[in-house]
Amino acid sequence: MFVLIWATLLFSVRGIDAVTGESVKRLQSCYSEFCITLIEGEITAEAGLCVVIPCFFTTGNGFTPQYVVWYKCEPPKGRCGDADVIFHTNENNNNKVQAEFLGRVSLLEPDVSQKNCSIIINELTESDSGKYQVRVNSVNYWGQERSTFSTRATVSVKGLTQKPSVLIPPLTEGQQTTLTCTAPGLCSGSHPEITWTWREAGEKDSYITGNITAVTQGRSSTLTFNPSAEHHGTNVTCKVNFTSNISTDETATLNVAYVKDFRTTGTTIVKEGETLNLTCSVESFPPSLITWTTSSETNRQNGTERNRQNNTELFMQRESETGTLSISNVTTDNSGKYICRAKHLNITLVKIVDVKVIYVKKPVITGRTTVEEGDALSLTCSVESFPPSHITWTVLGSNKKLYNGPEKDTGSATLVLPNVTTEVSGQYICTAQHLDKTVATYADVTVTWFSKILNNSGCEVQSGVLTCVCISEGFPLPTIEWPLLKNHTEYSVITTVSNHTVNSTATLTVKDHSGTSIECVSSSGNGEARETINIRKNTLEQKGTPLRLVSWLGVVIAFLLGVLLSALLCGLTTKCHRKIRKISRNLDETLEMGTSPEDPLVFLFILLNILGSPVVV
């Protein structure tokens, strides 16, 4: 190890090229058989470090090297004296060594018999610059002593410019690591003091705290700690303090591989037609690769690019702390899960976002809208929406809510009306309240019932004319048929309708109605009703007084005609008045003849006489 250090120091002398291996220029000085060899030229060094002055010698036959003495003196002194001693191999002569050099100078090879007089001067200061001279004392067998002075070596000490060497391995958050700081130079006599400090942005220097272990051995120091994201970007300084208040330092920036604060932002509930913006962000070093995965069609925006792979679109943001997914004019198809992945070194972080699109579609009514009387009406109104809509049922013409929906909106509500009657028929309205929007639809409900023939239906024969009336009601409105008419060619049928009632009157001439079967058939879409109608004879015809019926009809007709003609012909004229009085006298005389006032013919007689038409009875 010593040989390696010695060789390294030796090649640090100016003019020596350790890479190319060019020969070193040497300066040799001889006296008789004694020769001293030094390095030609100036030897440079830096304060706080060390310098090696290479030196070799040879002696005459029979002489053995005994002491090596080094001096520092400046021209024009030809030969240095005892006051200039900086090193003496004989420790008994240490009292002659200058105080400022005591303990700082030593031979590279302590065994002087090796004829190596090279010295190393540690803990240099700029005042150590100057000329250095060497003397070798030798003795022979007879005790004769010889000394040789050589030419001088020149040393130039400049201010310290070398920096400590700071070795930083790759840093990963949470994984223990060790930093190494090595002092510059290889030959400092005493061990320098090495300290570690760090600086965060905008802060003053401070000692590193936490789980940190600093160990200094000789010329190097190690710092062991667990790096975190807080250490990333901070500056670590290794400072080396030499003697004589000489110091140097080196600052390095810590780059810690970490990832944190992985999150997604943005509104995950959007209205149909709006724009969905989702941002995925992560703080990391080195920057993470962020991708969004979705199966929806979107637009390329915000520096993202889209690749379709297995029906999946990939939104990629390279070397950034954020990745933005933007989908314009969203529809219900854009609802679903969106996945953000942040790939950092050999790990992948995943966040899943559930996107909901607010929308509402037109309500749909299902169920039978035509039901039979006595059955149950069941109608279901469904509205596809998010969030679920609140549904109410009403009937047209009434503000009363038939159904107000469940306590928790489900987007569906069923209206049930048991044992319905015809009054239930009408227009039923389903209203869906979705946030601040209202949508509605309706269904026309019809209640049907079986047609039936009413009891007041019947047939009557008068003067050979058969008149039959069949009255039926039902819904839908029934139709009435007369099977009897299939066997006749001359007949008439009159049909009238009122609400849900049909009145059919059939008239035909029959000579003999005995044995005639009169059947009325009422039919509708939900069935038919049949009934045989009894034939009734006219009561007046059975008593043989048809004239009385005619008389009463004639009286009524004559009376009405008389009133009309009287208004038109008489006009309240005087002549009419006289004639009325005259007729009145004649009428009085006529009444005295004993005509019964209860006879309808009397009224006809009076009326015609008033009109000037005498009647003979």
Foldseek 3Di string as FASTA:
>chain_A
DLVVQVVVQVQQFPPHDPVVRDDFAWDWDDDDFKIKIWGPDEGEAAAQFKHKTWIFMDDDPQKAWDKKWKFFDAPPPPDDDLCGTQDILPVVSCVSHDPVNPPQKDFSDNPCRVRIRMMMGARDDQVPFGWMKMKIWIAGPVGDIDIDIDGIHGYGYHHDDDEWDKDFDAAEAQDKDKIKTFGPYDGHRFAWDKAKWKDDPPDDIDHDDDQWDWDDDRGMIMIIDGDHPVQAQMKMKIKTAGPPRGIHMDIDGDHYWDKDDWDKDFDQEEAAQAKGKMKTFIDGPQAWKKKKKDLDDADDDDPWDWDADPSIIITIDPRDRMGMDMHGRDDQVRFAKMKMWTDGPPDIDIDIGGHHYFDKDAKDKDFDQEEEAQAKGKIKIAIDGPPAWFKWKDFPPDPDTQGRHDPDGDRMDMRMDGRDDQVPFGKMKIWTHRPPDIHIDIDGHGYWYFKDWDPPWAWEADPQKIKTKTKMFIPPQWDKDKPVCVPDDDKDWDWDDDDRMIIIMIMDGHDDCPPPWTKMWIADPVGIDIDTHDYDYDPCVVVVPPVLVVLVVVLVVLVVVLVVVCVVPPVVDPVLVVLVVVLVVVVVVVVVVPDDPVRSVNSVQSSCVSVVHHDDD
